C-alpha atoms as a PDB file:
ATOM      1  CA  MET A   1       0.000   0.000   0.000  1.00  0.00           C
ATOM      2  CA  ILE A   2       1.330   3.448  -0.978  1.00  0.00           C
ATOM      3  CA  ARG A   3       0.741   5.913   1.862  1.00  0.00           C
ATOM      4  CA  VAL A   4       0.235   9.507   0.682  1.00  0.00           C
ATOM      5  CA  VAL A   5      -0.127  12.932   2.276  1.00  0.00           C
ATOM      6  CA  VAL A   6      -1.938  15.455   0.065  1.00  0.00           C
ATOM      7  CA  ALA A   7      -0.853  19.085   0.517  1.00  0.00           C
ATOM      8  CA  GLU A   8      -3.099  21.607  -1.240  1.00  0.00           C
ATOM      9  CA  ASP A   9      -4.507  24.864   0.161  1.00  0.00           C
ATOM     10  CA  GLN A  10      -7.685  24.919  -1.948  1.00  0.00           C
ATOM     11  CA  GLY A  11     -10.246  22.724  -0.224  1.00  0.00           C
ATOM     12  CA  ALA A  12     -12.156  21.695  -3.336  1.00  0.00           C
ATOM     13  CA  VAL A  13      -8.990  20.784  -5.225  1.00  0.00           C
ATOM     14  CA  ARG A  14      -7.636  18.884  -2.221  1.00  0.00           C
ATOM     15  CA  ALA A  15     -10.879  16.941  -1.883  1.00  0.00           C
ATOM     16  CA  GLY A  16     -10.734  16.023  -5.559  1.00  0.00           C
ATOM     17  CA  LEU A  17      -7.166  14.775  -5.274  1.00  0.00           C
ATOM     18  CA  VAL A  18      -8.031  12.713  -2.210  1.00  0.00           C
ATOM     19  CA  LEU A  19     -11.030  11.217  -4.009  1.00  0.00           C
ATOM     20  CA  ILE A  20      -8.982  10.280  -7.060  1.00  0.00           C
ATOM     21  CA  LEU A  21      -6.149   8.706  -5.078  1.00  0.00           C
ATOM     22  CA  GLY A  22      -8.539   6.984  -2.695  1.00  0.00           C
ATOM     23  CA  SER A  23     -10.177   5.203  -5.622  1.00  0.00           C
ATOM     24  CA  ALA A  24      -6.984   3.238  -6.269  1.00  0.00           C
ATOM     25  CA  ALA A  25      -6.762  -0.060  -4.403  1.00  0.00           C
ATOM     26  CA  ASP A  26      -3.035   0.304  -3.755  1.00  0.00           C
ATOM     27  CA  ILE A  27      -3.045   3.928  -2.517  1.00  0.00           C
ATOM     28  CA  GLU A  28      -4.094   5.232   0.883  1.00  0.00           C
ATOM     29  CA  VAL A  29      -4.351   8.941   1.701  1.00  0.00           C
ATOM     30  CA  VAL A  30      -3.176   9.090   5.314  1.00  0.00           C
ATOM     31  CA  GLY A  31      -3.196  12.866   5.769  1.00  0.00           C
ATOM     32  CA  GLU A  32      -4.316  16.187   4.286  1.00  0.00           C
ATOM     33  CA  ALA A  33      -2.430  19.468   4.638  1.00  0.00           C
ATOM     34  CA  ARG A  34      -3.679  22.997   3.929  1.00  0.00           C
ATOM     35  CA  ASP A  35      -0.245  24.625   3.820  1.00  0.00           C
ATOM     36  CA  GLY A  36       3.452  23.847   3.705  1.00  0.00           C
ATOM     37  CA  GLU A  37       4.000  23.861   7.451  1.00  0.00           C
ATOM     38  CA  GLU A  38       1.216  21.346   7.966  1.00  0.00           C
ATOM     39  CA  ALA A  39       2.631  19.199   5.154  1.00  0.00           C
ATOM     40  CA  VAL A  40       6.027  19.018   6.855  1.00  0.00           C
ATOM     41  CA  HIS A  41       4.402  18.300  10.237  1.00  0.00           C
ATOM     42  CA  LEU A  42       2.305  15.462   8.815  1.00  0.00           C
ATOM     43  CA  ALA A  43       5.308  14.032   6.969  1.00  0.00           C
ATOM     44  CA  ARG A  44       7.246  13.937  10.239  1.00  0.00           C
ATOM     45  CA  GLU A  45       4.350  12.431  12.151  1.00  0.00           C
ATOM     46  CA  LEU A  46       3.036   9.919   9.603  1.00  0.00           C
ATOM     47  CA  ARG A  47       6.161   9.061   7.578  1.00  0.00           C
ATOM     48  CA  PRO A  48       4.225   8.505   4.334  1.00  0.00           C
ATOM     49  CA  ASP A  49       5.768   7.058   1.198  1.00  0.00           C
ATOM     50  CA  LEU A  50       4.971  10.199  -0.757  1.00  0.00           C
ATOM     51  CA  VAL A  51       3.765  13.777  -0.326  1.00  0.00           C
ATOM     52  CA  LEU A  52       1.696  15.218  -3.180  1.00  0.00           C
ATOM     53  CA  MET A  53       2.721  18.863  -2.836  1.00  0.00           C
ATOM     54  CA  ASP A  54       1.181  21.999  -4.303  1.00  0.00           C
ATOM     55  CA  VAL A  55       3.719  24.800  -4.790  1.00  0.00           C
ATOM     56  CA  GLN A  56       1.618  27.848  -3.968  1.00  0.00           C
ATOM     57  CA  MET A  57       0.479  27.558  -0.351  1.00  0.00           C
ATOM     58  CA  PRO A  58       0.263  29.917   2.651  1.00  0.00           C
ATOM     59  CA  ARG A  59       2.647  30.056   5.648  1.00  0.00           C
ATOM     60  CA  LEU A  60       5.261  27.868   3.941  1.00  0.00           C
ATOM     61  CA  ASP A  61       5.354  27.456   0.159  1.00  0.00           C
ATOM     62  CA  GLY A  62       5.625  24.071  -1.486  1.00  0.00           C
ATOM     63  CA  VAL A  63       9.243  24.518  -2.530  1.00  0.00           C
ATOM     64  CA  SER A  64      10.402  25.245   1.024  1.00  0.00           C
ATOM     65  CA  ALA A  65       8.249  22.435   2.362  1.00  0.00           C
ATOM     66  CA  THR A  66       9.697  20.053  -0.235  1.00  0.00           C
ATOM     67  CA  ARG A  67      13.216  20.986   0.813  1.00  0.00           C
ATOM     68  CA  GLN A  68      12.481  20.193   4.465  1.00  0.00           C
ATOM     69  CA  VAL A  69      10.773  16.889   3.683  1.00  0.00           C
ATOM     70  CA  VAL A  70      13.615  15.761   1.406  1.00  0.00           C
ATOM     71  CA  VAL A  71      16.479  16.927   3.630  1.00  0.00           C
ATOM     72  CA  GLU A  72      14.976  15.109   6.611  1.00  0.00           C
ATOM     73  CA  GLY A  73      14.368  11.994   4.518  1.00  0.00           C
ATOM     74  CA  LEU A  74      10.694  11.903   5.430  1.00  0.00           C
ATOM     75  CA  ALA A  75       9.190  10.960   2.054  1.00  0.00           C
ATOM     76  CA  ASP A  76       9.435  11.379  -1.690  1.00  0.00           C
ATOM     77  CA  VAL A  77       7.712  14.497  -3.020  1.00  0.00           C
ATOM     78  CA  LEU A  78       5.586  14.743  -6.154  1.00  0.00           C
ATOM     79  CA  VAL A  79       5.013  18.409  -6.939  1.00  0.00           C
ATOM     80  CA  LEU A  80       1.831  19.778  -8.485  1.00  0.00           C
ATOM     81  CA  THR A  81       2.485  22.768 -10.710  1.00  0.00           C
ATOM     82  CA  THR A  82       0.921  24.867 -13.459  1.00  0.00           C
ATOM     83  CA  PHE A  83       2.478  25.217 -16.884  1.00  0.00           C
ATOM     84  CA  ASP A  84       3.198  28.939 -16.533  1.00  0.00           C
ATOM     85  CA  LEU A  85       5.027  28.791 -13.202  1.00  0.00           C
ATOM     86  CA  ASP A  86       8.425  27.457 -14.225  1.00  0.00           C
ATOM     87  CA  GLU A  87      10.263  29.179 -11.385  1.00  0.00           C
ATOM     88  CA  TYR A  88       8.471  26.936  -8.924  1.00  0.00           C
ATOM     89  CA  VAL A  89       9.395  23.836 -10.902  1.00  0.00           C
ATOM     90  CA  PHE A  90      13.060  24.816 -10.940  1.00  0.00           C
ATOM     91  CA  GLY A  91      13.000  25.594  -7.224  1.00  0.00           C
ATOM     92  CA  ALA A  92      11.339  22.291  -6.412  1.00  0.00           C
ATOM     93  CA  LEU A  93      13.869  20.415  -8.539  1.00  0.00           C
ATOM     94  CA  ARG A  94      16.746  21.984  -6.629  1.00  0.00           C
ATOM     95  CA  ALA A  95      14.917  21.142  -3.404  1.00  0.00           C
ATOM     96  CA  GLY A  96      14.933  17.464  -4.369  1.00  0.00           C
ATOM     97  CA  ALA A  97      11.413  16.791  -5.653  1.00  0.00           C
ATOM     98  CA  ALA A  98      11.081  13.350  -7.213  1.00  0.00           C
ATOM     99  CA  GLY A  99       8.522  14.400  -9.802  1.00  0.00           C
ATOM    100  CA  PHE A 100       6.475  17.201 -11.325  1.00  0.00           C
ATOM    101  CA  LEU A 101       2.866  16.936 -12.424  1.00  0.00           C
ATOM    102  CA  LEU A 102       0.523  19.495 -13.957  1.00  0.00           C
ATOM    103  CA  LYS A 103      -2.667  20.291 -12.069  1.00  0.00           C
ATOM    104  CA  ASN A 104      -4.781  19.535 -15.143  1.00  0.00           C
ATOM    105  CA  THR A 105      -3.477  15.951 -15.305  1.00  0.00           C
ATOM    106  CA  GLU A 106      -6.086  13.277 -15.927  1.00  0.00           C
ATOM    107  CA  ALA A 107      -7.122  11.197 -12.912  1.00  0.00           C
ATOM    108  CA  LYS A 108      -5.620   7.954 -14.242  1.00  0.00           C
ATOM    109  CA  ASP A 109      -2.319   9.711 -14.944  1.00  0.00           C
ATOM    110  CA  LEU A 110      -2.232  11.170 -11.431  1.00  0.00           C
ATOM    111  CA  VAL A 111      -2.655   7.707  -9.937  1.00  0.00           C
ATOM    112  CA  GLU A 112       0.040   6.256 -12.191  1.00  0.00           C
ATOM    113  CA  ALA A 113       2.391   9.142 -11.359  1.00  0.00           C
ATOM    114  CA  VAL A 114       2.071   8.386  -7.651  1.00  0.00           C
ATOM    115  CA  ARG A 115       2.852   4.737  -8.345  1.00  0.00           C
ATOM    116  CA  THR A 116       5.857   5.668 -10.483  1.00  0.00           C
ATOM    117  CA  VAL A 117       7.411   7.949  -7.866  1.00  0.00           C
ATOM    118  CA  ALA A 118       6.647   5.432  -5.112  1.00  0.00           C
ATOM    119  CA  ARG A 119       8.692   2.877  -7.073  1.00  0.00           C
ATOM    120  CA  GLY A 120      11.649   5.228  -6.820  1.00  0.00           C
ATOM    121  CA  GLU A 121      11.446   6.434 -10.412  1.00  0.00           C
ATOM    122  CA  GLY A 122      11.398  10.141 -11.237  1.00  0.00           C
ATOM    123  CA  LEU A 123       8.640  11.693 -13.283  1.00  0.00           C
ATOM    124  CA  ILE A 124       8.214  14.968 -15.145  1.00  0.00           C
ATOM    125  CA  ALA A 125       5.000  15.875 -16.952  1.00  0.00           C
ATOM    126  CA  PRO A 126       5.732  15.801 -20.710  1.00  0.00           C
ATOM    127  CA  ALA A 127       4.559  19.398 -21.142  1.00  0.00           C
ATOM    128  CA  VAL A 128       7.156  20.566 -18.632  1.00  0.00           C
ATOM    129  CA  THR A 129      10.106  18.451 -19.736  1.00  0.00           C
ATOM    130  CA  ARG A 130      11.378  20.445 -22.713  1.00  0.00           C
ATOM    131  CA  ARG A 131      11.283  23.785 -20.894  1.00  0.00           C
ATOM    132  CA  LEU A 132      12.837  22.288 -17.790  1.00  0.00           C
ATOM    133  CA  ILE A 133      15.739  20.731 -19.661  1.00  0.00           C
ATOM    134  CA  ALA A 134      16.274  23.888 -21.715  1.00  0.00           C
ATOM    135  CA  GLN A 135      16.525  25.983 -18.568  1.00  0.00           C
ATOM    136  CA  PHE A 136      19.068  23.733 -16.895  1.00  0.00           C
ATOM    137  CA  ALA A 137      21.061  23.265 -20.099  1.00  0.00           C
ATOM    138  CA  ALA A 138      21.397  27.016 -20.703  1.00  0.00           C
ATOM    139  CA  PRO A 139      25.030  27.793 -21.545  1.00  0.00           C
ATOM    140  CA  ALA A 140      25.425  30.519 -18.933  1.00  0.00           C
ATOM    141  CA  PRO A 141      25.646  30.226 -16.093  1.00  0.00           C
ATOM    142  CA  ARG A 142      26.046  26.451 -16.101  1.00  0.00           C
ATOM    143  CA  PRO A 143      25.826  24.697 -12.735  1.00  0.00           C
ATOM    144  CA  LYS A 144      29.055  23.269 -11.380  1.00  0.00           C
ATOM    145  CA  ALA A 145      27.676  19.754 -11.789  1.00  0.00           C
ATOM    146  CA  ALA A 146      27.608  20.283 -15.580  1.00  0.00           C
ATOM    147  CA  ASP A 147      31.369  19.758 -15.754  1.00  0.00           C
ATOM    148  CA  PRO A 148      31.864  16.299 -17.377  1.00  0.00           C
ATOM    149  CA  ALA A 149      34.651  15.644 -14.858  1.00  0.00           C
ATOM    150  CA  VAL A 150      31.947  15.207 -12.213  1.00  0.00           C
ATOM    151  CA  LEU A 151      31.299  11.766 -13.700  1.00  0.00           C
ATOM    152  CA  ASP A 152      34.829  10.596 -12.888  1.00  0.00           C
ATOM    153  CA  VAL A 153      33.524   9.271  -9.562  1.00  0.00           C
ATOM    154  CA  LEU A 154      31.179   6.862 -11.348  1.00  0.00           C
ATOM    155  CA  THR A 155      31.931   3.378 -12.568  1.00  0.00           C
ATOM    156  CA  ARG A 156      31.366   2.552 -16.230  1.00  0.00           C
ATOM    157  CA  ARG A 157      28.120   0.776 -15.365  1.00  0.00           C
ATOM    158  CA  GLU A 158      26.874   3.683 -13.284  1.00  0.00           C
ATOM    159  CA  ARG A 159      27.526   6.027 -16.220  1.00  0.00           C
ATOM    160  CA  GLU A 160      25.518   3.747 -18.497  1.00  0.00           C
ATOM    161  CA  VAL A 161      22.651   3.789 -16.008  1.00  0.00           C
ATOM    162  CA  LEU A 162      22.844   7.597 -15.796  1.00  0.00           C
ATOM    163  CA  VAL A 163      22.564   7.877 -19.584  1.00  0.00           C
ATOM    164  CA  CYS A 164      19.456   5.685 -19.485  1.00  0.00           C
ATOM    165  CA  ILE A 165      17.941   7.817 -16.727  1.00  0.00           C
ATOM    166  CA  GLY A 166      18.536  10.861 -18.913  1.00  0.00           C
ATOM    167  CA  GLU A 167      16.547   9.164 -21.666  1.00  0.00           C
ATOM    168  CA  GLY A 168      13.631   8.731 -19.268  1.00  0.00           C
ATOM    169  CA  LEU A 169      13.851   4.944 -19.009  1.00  0.00           C
ATOM    170  CA  SER A 170      12.305   3.148 -16.057  1.00  0.00           C
ATOM    171  CA  ASN A 171      14.300   0.725 -13.926  1.00  0.00           C
ATOM    172  CA  ALA A 172      12.728  -2.190 -15.782  1.00  0.00           C
ATOM    173  CA  GLU A 173      13.637  -0.679 -19.158  1.00  0.00           C
ATOM    174  CA  ILE A 174      17.201   0.013 -18.002  1.00  0.00           C
ATOM    175  CA  ALA A 175      17.499  -3.560 -16.787  1.00  0.00           C
ATOM    176  CA  ALA A 176      16.377  -4.853 -20.182  1.00  0.00           C
ATOM    177  CA  ARG A 177      18.720  -2.583 -22.133  1.00  0.00           C
ATOM    178  CA  LEU A 178      21.783  -3.263 -20.003  1.00  0.00           C
ATOM    179  CA  THR A 179      20.968  -6.928 -19.362  1.00  0.00           C
ATOM    180  CA  MET A 180      20.913  -6.836 -15.586  1.00  0.00           C
ATOM    181  CA  ALA A 181      18.454  -7.483 -12.779  1.00  0.00           C
ATOM    182  CA  GLU A 182      16.088  -4.655 -11.874  1.00  0.00           C
ATOM    183  CA  ALA A 183      17.319  -4.832  -8.276  1.00  0.00           C
ATOM    184  CA  THR A 184      20.856  -4.225  -9.545  1.00  0.00           C
ATOM    185  CA  VAL A 185      19.649  -1.164 -11.456  1.00  0.00           C
ATOM    186  CA  LYS A 186      18.135   0.218  -8.263  1.00  0.00           C
ATOM    187  CA  THR A 187      21.467  -0.275  -6.505  1.00  0.00           C
ATOM    188  CA  HIS A 188      23.342   1.557  -9.258  1.00  0.00           C
ATOM    189  CA  VAL A 189      20.834   4.425  -9.184  1.00  0.00           C
ATOM    190  CA  SER A 190      21.177   4.776  -5.420  1.00  0.00           C
ATOM    191  CA  ARG A 191      24.963   4.750  -5.602  1.00  0.00           C
ATOM    192  CA  LEU A 192      25.261   7.266  -8.443  1.00  0.00           C
ATOM    193  CA  LEU A 193      22.877   9.660  -6.703  1.00  0.00           C
ATOM    194  CA  GLY A 194      25.049   9.475  -3.601  1.00  0.00           C
ATOM    195  CA  LYS A 195      28.311   9.933  -5.494  1.00  0.00           C
ATOM    196  CA  LEU A 196      26.969  12.904  -7.465  1.00  0.00           C
ATOM    197  CA  GLU A 197      25.336  14.387  -4.352  1.00  0.00           C
ATOM    198  CA  LEU A 198      21.942  14.506  -6.040  1.00  0.00           C
ATOM    199  CA  ARG A 199      18.700  14.334  -4.104  1.00  0.00           C
ATOM    200  CA  SER A 200      16.488  12.718  -6.700  1.00  0.00           C
ATOM    201  CA  ARG A 201      16.362  10.714  -9.895  1.00  0.00           C
ATOM    202  CA  VAL A 202      14.914  13.752 -11.652  1.00  0.00           C
ATOM    203  CA  GLN A 203      18.049  15.755 -10.835  1.00  0.00           C
ATOM    204  CA  ALA A 204      20.087  12.909 -12.315  1.00  0.00           C
ATOM    205  CA  ALA A 205      17.995  13.004 -15.507  1.00  0.00           C
ATOM    206  CA  VAL A 206      18.531  16.744 -15.849  1.00  0.00           C
ATOM    207  CA  LEU A 207      22.282  16.361 -15.304  1.00  0.00           C
ATOM    208  CA  ALA A 208      22.448  13.610 -17.942  1.00  0.00           C
ATOM    209  CA  GLN A 209      20.604  15.790 -20.439  1.00  0.00           C
ATOM    210  CA  GLU A 210      22.713  18.784 -19.571  1.00  0.00           C
ATOM    211  CA  LEU A 211      25.957  16.923 -20.226  1.00  0.00           C
ATOM    212  CA  ARG A 212      24.642  15.918 -23.643  1.00  0.00           C
ATOM    213  CA  ALA A 213      23.869  19.538 -24.575  1.00  0.00           C
END
């Protein structure tokens, strides 16, 4: 069972999200938060698998709340955003969000996104991907991590896995391409994130794309 906290300040929207997620047999909404502070509190208290986090909330915004949840290792965070608010997406990425989903996402896609992130696989809504990658691949200023030498700490296999992550492949797809067990892929992903000091698979995907630019 995937345990989820839903953080959304608009009551009607929050109720809709809870209803959609609650309809899935493998998902349980264990808490509802009306702002960022409450989201962090519930994450500490309930230790859910995932927090579905809106970015625009009172008291503590979703980006700051995401940073606290991720730094404390409380849960993965799937951020809800709107297409015209890129600055929030970029902030949430730096804060370690595991995925980004548009608020107008279909119900079935929302459920599948929660499952994907809960499996430890990053997710970015297709409509956001191109703009997100373009922003992080901008030639100036390039983040320090964009230096190809940063990959020197990785083994050959870990580099191959990173390339696959950059192509948006799931763990199962990486396992098939590289002819290894899915559990081994998960181990490689965990190790390369640690070596590169990245907080999420999504950050790894952006780095992989950036190095290709």
